[in-house]
């Protein structure tokens, strides 16, 4: 079956966004590690919460930074 162009575009876009998501997560994790900020592993760059509950995870990390 030939891949429809709009589906191919979405597959490629998802791959690019996933790569960027991983890179940003690593930067956030490195920042927290360097500054002694404890975050739950499920909220780290590879944690499931960052995908399943992105807004809540963002607030959790921001609060952890603010409360340091």
PDB file of N, CA and C in Angstrom:
ATOM      1  N   UNK A   1       0.843  -1.173   0.000  1.00  0.00           N
ATOM      2  CA  UNK A   1       0.000   0.000   0.000  1.00  0.00           C
ATOM      3  C   UNK A   1       0.890   1.239   0.000  1.00  0.00           C
ATOM      4  N   UNK A   2       0.518   2.200  -0.774  1.00  0.00           N
ATOM      5  CA  UNK A   2       1.248   3.462  -0.816  1.00  0.00           C
ATOM      6  C   UNK A   2       0.844   4.302   0.394  1.00  0.00           C
ATOM      7  N   UNK A   3       1.839   4.952   1.011  1.00  0.00           N
ATOM      8  CA  UNK A   3       1.559   5.791   2.176  1.00  0.00           C
ATOM      9  C   UNK A   3       0.971   7.117   1.695  1.00  0.00           C
ATOM     10  N   UNK A   4      -0.223   7.467   2.165  1.00  0.00           N
ATOM     11  CA  UNK A   4      -0.781   8.772   1.795  1.00  0.00           C
ATOM     12  C   UNK A   4       0.128   9.891   2.301  1.00  0.00           C
ATOM     13  N   UNK A   5       0.268  10.928   1.514  1.00  0.00           N
ATOM     14  CA  UNK A   5       1.182  12.027   1.846  1.00  0.00           C
ATOM     15  C   UNK A   5       0.868  12.632   3.208  1.00  0.00           C
ATOM     16  N   UNK A   6      -0.406  12.827   3.525  1.00  0.00           N
ATOM     17  CA  UNK A   6      -0.736  13.458   4.800  1.00  0.00           C
ATOM     18  C   UNK A   6      -0.372  12.560   5.982  1.00  0.00           C
ATOM     19  N   UNK A   7      -0.429  11.250   5.794  1.00  0.00           N
ATOM     20  CA  UNK A   7      -0.023  10.319   6.860  1.00  0.00           C
ATOM     21  C   UNK A   7       1.497  10.292   6.967  1.00  0.00           C
ATOM     22  N   UNK A   8       2.179  10.280   5.848  1.00  0.00           N
ATOM     23  CA  UNK A   8       3.647  10.310   5.866  1.00  0.00           C
ATOM     24  C   UNK A   8       4.145  11.566   6.568  1.00  0.00           C
ATOM     25  N   UNK A   9       3.498  12.690   6.277  1.00  0.00           N
ATOM     26  CA  UNK A   9       3.868  13.952   6.927  1.00  0.00           C
ATOM     27  C   UNK A   9       3.695  13.841   8.441  1.00  0.00           C
ATOM     28  N   UNK A  10       2.587  13.263   8.881  1.00  0.00           N
ATOM     29  CA  UNK A  10       2.320  13.125  10.318  1.00  0.00           C
ATOM     30  C   UNK A  10       3.323  12.185  10.983  1.00  0.00           C
ATOM     31  N   UNK A  11       3.688  11.124  10.321  1.00  0.00           N
ATOM     32  CA  UNK A  11       4.684  10.192  10.859  1.00  0.00           C
ATOM     33  C   UNK A  11       6.030  10.901  11.017  1.00  0.00           C
ATOM     34  N   UNK A  12       6.444  11.626   9.984  1.00  0.00           N
ATOM     35  CA  UNK A  12       7.712  12.361  10.030  1.00  0.00           C
ATOM     36  C   UNK A  12       7.692  13.451  11.099  1.00  0.00           C
ATOM     37  N   UNK A  13       6.574  14.167  11.199  1.00  0.00           N
ATOM     38  CA  UNK A  13       6.439  15.224  12.198  1.00  0.00           C
ATOM     39  C   UNK A  13       6.513  14.643  13.605  1.00  0.00           C
ATOM     40  N   UNK A  14       5.823  13.533  13.825  1.00  0.00           N
ATOM     41  CA  UNK A  14       5.861  12.896  15.150  1.00  0.00           C
ATOM     42  C   UNK A  14       7.280  12.480  15.514  1.00  0.00           C
ATOM     43  N   UNK A  15       8.020  11.966  14.555  1.00  0.00           N
ATOM     44  CA  UNK A  15       9.407  11.560  14.809  1.00  0.00           C
ATOM     45  C   UNK A  15      10.274  12.767  15.175  1.00  0.00           C
ATOM     46  N   UNK A  16      10.112  13.876  14.462  1.00  0.00           N
ATOM     47  CA  UNK A  16      10.890  15.082  14.759  1.00  0.00           C
ATOM     48  C   UNK A  16      10.528  15.644  16.132  1.00  0.00           C
ATOM     49  N   UNK A  17       9.238  15.676  16.442  1.00  0.00           N
ATOM     50  CA  UNK A  17       8.804  16.195  17.734  1.00  0.00           C
ATOM     51  C   UNK A  17       9.261  15.297  18.881  1.00  0.00           C
ATOM     52  N   UNK A  18       9.237  13.994  18.671  1.00  0.00           N
ATOM     53  CA  UNK A  18       9.702  13.060  19.698  1.00  0.00           C
ATOM     54  C   UNK A  18      11.187  13.266  19.971  1.00  0.00           C
ATOM     55  N   UNK A  19      11.966  13.468  18.940  1.00  0.00           N
ATOM     56  CA  UNK A  19      13.396  13.722  19.105  1.00  0.00           C
ATOM     57  C   UNK A  19      13.620  15.007  19.892  1.00  0.00           C
ATOM     58  N   UNK A  20      12.897  16.050  19.547  1.00  0.00           N
ATOM     59  CA  UNK A  20      13.038  17.336  20.242  1.00  0.00           C
ATOM     60  C   UNK A  20      12.575  17.209  21.691  1.00  0.00           C
ATOM     61  N   UNK A  21      11.485  16.475  21.921  1.00  0.00           N
ATOM     62  CA  UNK A  21      10.976  16.215  23.261  1.00  0.00           C
ATOM     63  C   UNK A  21      12.060  15.572  24.117  1.00  0.00           C
ATOM     64  N   UNK A  22      12.738  14.579  23.562  1.00  0.00           N
ATOM     65  CA  UNK A  22      13.806  13.884  24.288  1.00  0.00           C
ATOM     66  C   UNK A  22      14.943  14.841  24.621  1.00  0.00           C
ATOM     67  N   UNK A  23      15.362  15.655  23.646  1.00  0.00           N
ATOM     68  CA  UNK A  23      16.458  16.600  23.848  1.00  0.00           C
ATOM     69  C   UNK A  23      16.126  17.614  24.944  1.00  0.00           C
ATOM     70  N   UNK A  24      14.907  18.155  24.915  1.00  0.00           N
ATOM     71  CA  UNK A  24      14.496  19.115  25.938  1.00  0.00           C
ATOM     72  C   UNK A  24      14.429  18.460  27.308  1.00  0.00           C
ATOM     73  N   UNK A  25      13.936  17.237  27.351  1.00  0.00           N
ATOM     74  CA  UNK A  25      13.871  16.510  28.610  1.00  0.00           C
ATOM     75  C   UNK A  25      15.247  16.306  29.221  1.00  0.00           C
ATOM     76  N   UNK A  26      16.211  15.978  28.390  1.00  0.00           N
ATOM     77  CA  UNK A  26      17.583  15.811  28.881  1.00  0.00           C
ATOM     78  C   UNK A  26      18.134  17.115  29.456  1.00  0.00           C
ATOM     79  N   UNK A  27      17.853  18.221  28.786  1.00  0.00           N
ATOM     80  CA  UNK A  27      18.316  19.522  29.273  1.00  0.00           C
ATOM     81  C   UNK A  27      17.694  19.848  30.632  1.00  0.00           C
ATOM     82  N   UNK A  28      16.402  19.574  30.782  1.00  0.00           N
ATOM     83  CA  UNK A  28      15.715  19.833  32.046  1.00  0.00           C
ATOM     84  C   UNK A  28      16.282  18.936  33.135  1.00  0.00           C
ATOM     85  N   UNK A  29      16.451  17.656  32.827  1.00  0.00           N
ATOM     86  CA  UNK A  29      17.005  16.716  33.807  1.00  0.00           C
ATOM     87  C   UNK A  29      18.418  17.118  34.234  1.00  0.00           C
ATOM     88  N   UNK A  30      19.241  17.543  33.286  1.00  0.00           N
ATOM     89  CA  UNK A  30      20.609  17.962  33.606  1.00  0.00           C
ATOM     90  C   UNK A  30      20.598  19.198  34.511  1.00  0.00           C
ATOM     91  N   UNK A  31      19.707  20.139  34.215  1.00  0.00           N
ATOM     92  CA  UNK A  31      19.575  21.335  35.037  1.00  0.00           C
ATOM     93  C   UNK A  31      19.215  20.948  36.470  1.00  0.00           C
ATOM     94  N   UNK A  32      18.223  20.086  36.604  1.00  0.00           N
ATOM     95  CA  UNK A  32      17.782  19.661  37.940  1.00  0.00           C
ATOM     96  C   UNK A  32      18.901  18.919  38.675  1.00  0.00           C
ATOM     97  N   UNK A  33      19.591  18.038  37.975  1.00  0.00           N
ATOM     98  CA  UNK A  33      20.692  17.301  38.594  1.00  0.00           C
ATOM     99  C   UNK A  33      21.795  18.244  39.080  1.00  0.00           C
ATOM    100  N   UNK A  34      22.188  19.185  38.228  1.00  0.00           N
ATOM    101  CA  UNK A  34      23.267  20.118  38.575  1.00  0.00           C
ATOM    102  C   UNK A  34      22.904  20.999  39.759  1.00  0.00           C
ATOM    103  N   UNK A  35      21.603  21.255  39.926  1.00  0.00           N
ATOM    104  CA  UNK A  35      21.163  22.159  40.970  1.00  0.00           C
ATOM    105  C   UNK A  35      20.560  21.443  42.171  1.00  0.00           C
ATOM    106  N   UNK A  36      20.721  20.136  42.229  1.00  0.00           N
ATOM    107  CA  UNK A  36      20.238  19.373  43.370  1.00  0.00           C
ATOM    108  C   UNK A  36      18.732  19.381  43.534  1.00  0.00           C
ATOM    109  N   UNK A  37      18.020  19.482  42.443  1.00  0.00           N
ATOM    110  CA  UNK A  37      16.558  19.506  42.474  1.00  0.00           C
ATOM    111  C   UNK A  37      16.058  18.089  42.253  1.00  0.00           C
ATOM    112  N   UNK A  38      15.368  17.591  43.259  1.00  0.00           N
ATOM    113  CA  UNK A  38      14.853  16.228  43.188  1.00  0.00           C
ATOM    114  C   UNK A  38      13.527  16.209  42.435  1.00  0.00           C
ATOM    115  N   UNK A  39      13.466  15.389  41.389  1.00  0.00           N
ATOM    116  CA  UNK A  39      12.195  15.165  40.706  1.00  0.00           C
ATOM    117  C   UNK A  39      11.977  13.660  40.598  1.00  0.00           C
ATOM    118  N   UNK A  40      10.733  13.280  40.668  1.00  0.00           N
ATOM    119  CA  UNK A  40      10.367  11.871  40.577  1.00  0.00           C
ATOM    120  C   UNK A  40      10.777  11.343  39.203  1.00  0.00           C
ATOM    121  N   UNK A  41      11.248  10.114  39.156  1.00  0.00           N
ATOM    122  CA  UNK A  41      11.714   9.539  37.885  1.00  0.00           C
ATOM    123  C   UNK A  41      10.602   9.462  36.839  1.00  0.00           C
ATOM    124  N   UNK A  42       9.356   9.353  37.269  1.00  0.00           N
ATOM    125  CA  UNK A  42       8.267   9.299  36.284  1.00  0.00           C
ATOM    126  C   UNK A  42       8.048  10.653  35.614  1.00  0.00           C
ATOM    127  N   UNK A  43       8.663  11.706  36.159  1.00  0.00           N
ATOM    128  CA  UNK A  43       8.550  13.040  35.580  1.00  0.00           C
ATOM    129  C   UNK A  43       9.827  13.469  34.864  1.00  0.00           C
ATOM    130  N   UNK A  44      10.779  12.552  34.748  1.00  0.00           N
ATOM    131  CA  UNK A  44      12.020  12.864  34.052  1.00  0.00           C
ATOM    132  C   UNK A  44      11.788  12.760  32.546  1.00  0.00           C
ATOM    133  N   UNK A  45      12.843  12.975  31.775  1.00  0.00           N
ATOM    134  CA  UNK A  45      12.692  12.978  30.317  1.00  0.00           C
ATOM    135  C   UNK A  45      12.180  11.654  29.770  1.00  0.00           C
ATOM    136  N   UNK A  46      12.457  10.559  30.471  1.00  0.00           N
ATOM    137  CA  UNK A  46      11.987   9.262  29.992  1.00  0.00           C
ATOM    138  C   UNK A  46      10.764   8.770  30.761  1.00  0.00           C
ATOM    139  N   UNK A  47      10.246   9.603  31.651  1.00  0.00           N
ATOM    140  CA  UNK A  47       9.114   9.191  32.472  1.00  0.00           C
ATOM    141  C   UNK A  47       7.789   9.239  31.741  1.00  0.00           C
ATOM    142  N   UNK A  48       6.941   8.315  32.085  1.00  0.00           N
ATOM    143  CA  UNK A  48       5.637   8.194  31.435  1.00  0.00           C
ATOM    144  C   UNK A  48       4.739   9.399  31.711  1.00  0.00           C
ATOM    145  N   UNK A  49       4.893  10.019  32.872  1.00  0.00           N
ATOM    146  CA  UNK A  49       4.039  11.153  33.218  1.00  0.00           C
ATOM    147  C   UNK A  49       4.239  12.335  32.272  1.00  0.00           C
ATOM    148  N   UNK A  50       5.427  12.489  31.739  1.00  0.00           N
ATOM    149  CA  UNK A  50       5.678  13.608  30.825  1.00  0.00           C
ATOM    150  C   UNK A  50       4.865  13.476  29.551  1.00  0.00           C
ATOM    151  N   UNK A  51       4.487  12.255  29.212  1.00  0.00           N
ATOM    152  CA  UNK A  51       3.670  12.036  28.009  1.00  0.00           C
ATOM    153  C   UNK A  51       2.184  11.985  28.371  1.00  0.00           C
ATOM    154  N   UNK A  52       1.868  11.265  29.420  1.00  0.00           N
ATOM    155  CA  UNK A  52       0.458  11.061  29.786  1.00  0.00           C
ATOM    156  C   UNK A  52      -0.172  12.283  30.447  1.00  0.00           C
ATOM    157  N   UNK A  53       0.614  13.018  31.215  1.00  0.00           N
ATOM    158  CA  UNK A  53       0.116  14.197  31.932  1.00  0.00           C
ATOM    159  C   UNK A  53       1.100  15.358  31.787  1.00  0.00           C
ATOM    160  N   UNK A  54       1.245  15.875  30.580  1.00  0.00           N
ATOM    161  CA  UNK A  54       2.285  16.875  30.348  1.00  0.00           C
ATOM    162  C   UNK A  54       2.124  18.165  31.144  1.00  0.00           C
ATOM    163  N   UNK A  55       0.907  18.672  31.281  1.00  0.00           N
ATOM    164  CA  UNK A  55       0.718  19.932  32.010  1.00  0.00           C
ATOM    165  C   UNK A  55       0.996  19.763  33.496  1.00  0.00           C
ATOM    166  N   UNK A  56       0.517  18.664  34.056  1.00  0.00           N
ATOM    167  CA  UNK A  56       0.750  18.416  35.477  1.00  0.00           C
ATOM    168  C   UNK A  56       2.237  18.212  35.762  1.00  0.00           C
ATOM    169  N   UNK A  57       2.914  17.494  34.864  1.00  0.00           N
ATOM    170  CA  UNK A  57       4.344  17.265  35.026  1.00  0.00           C
ATOM    171  C   UNK A  57       5.119  18.576  34.943  1.00  0.00           C
ATOM    172  N   UNK A  58       4.741  19.432  34.005  1.00  0.00           N
ATOM    173  CA  UNK A  58       5.406  20.727  33.878  1.00  0.00           C
ATOM    174  C   UNK A  58       5.263  21.524  35.169  1.00  0.00           C
ATOM    175  N   UNK A  59       4.069  21.546  35.741  1.00  0.00           N
ATOM    176  CA  UNK A  59       3.849  22.274  36.992  1.00  0.00           C
ATOM    177  C   UNK A  59       4.622  21.641  38.144  1.00  0.00           C
ATOM    178  N   UNK A  60       4.677  20.313  38.175  1.00  0.00           N
ATOM    179  CA  UNK A  60       5.424  19.602  39.212  1.00  0.00           C
ATOM    180  C   UNK A  60       6.907  20.011  39.170  1.00  0.00           C
ATOM    181  N   UNK A  61       7.483  20.042  37.971  1.00  0.00           N
ATOM    182  CA  UNK A  61       8.901  20.394  37.828  1.00  0.00           C
ATOM    183  C   UNK A  61       9.118  21.863  38.166  1.00  0.00           C
ATOM    184  N   UNK A  62       8.232  22.729  37.710  1.00  0.00           N
ATOM    185  CA  UNK A  62       8.355  24.157  38.037  1.00  0.00           C
ATOM    186  C   UNK A  62       8.287  24.367  39.545  1.00  0.00           C
ATOM    187  N   UNK A  63       7.364  23.689  40.202  1.00  0.00           N
ATOM    188  CA  UNK A  63       7.249  23.805  41.663  1.00  0.00           C
ATOM    189  C   UNK A  63       8.519  23.305  42.352  1.00  0.00           C
ATOM    190  N   UNK A  64       9.066  22.205  41.863  1.00  0.00           N
ATOM    191  CA  UNK A  64      10.300  21.670  42.450  1.00  0.00           C
ATOM    192  C   UNK A  64      11.436  22.678  42.336  1.00  0.00           C
ATOM    193  N   UNK A  65      11.509  23.362  41.207  1.00  0.00           N
ATOM    194  CA  UNK A  65      12.554  24.374  40.996  1.00  0.00           C
ATOM    195  C   UNK A  65      12.295  25.575  41.901  1.00  0.00           C
ATOM    196  N   UNK A  66      11.050  26.049  41.937  1.00  0.00           N
ATOM    197  CA  UNK A  66      10.716  27.211  42.768  1.00  0.00           C
ATOM    198  C   UNK A  66      10.984  26.953  44.243  1.00  0.00           C
ATOM    199  N   UNK A  67      10.731  25.737  44.688  1.00  0.00           N
ATOM    200  CA  UNK A  67      10.859  25.401  46.108  1.00  0.00           C
ATOM    201  C   UNK A  67      12.270  25.024  46.521  1.00  0.00           C
ATOM    202  N   UNK A  68      13.203  25.070  45.609  1.00  0.00           N
ATOM    203  CA  UNK A  68      14.600  24.723  45.922  1.00  0.00           C
ATOM    204  C   UNK A  68      15.229  25.830  46.732  1.00  0.00           C
TER     205      UNK A  68
END
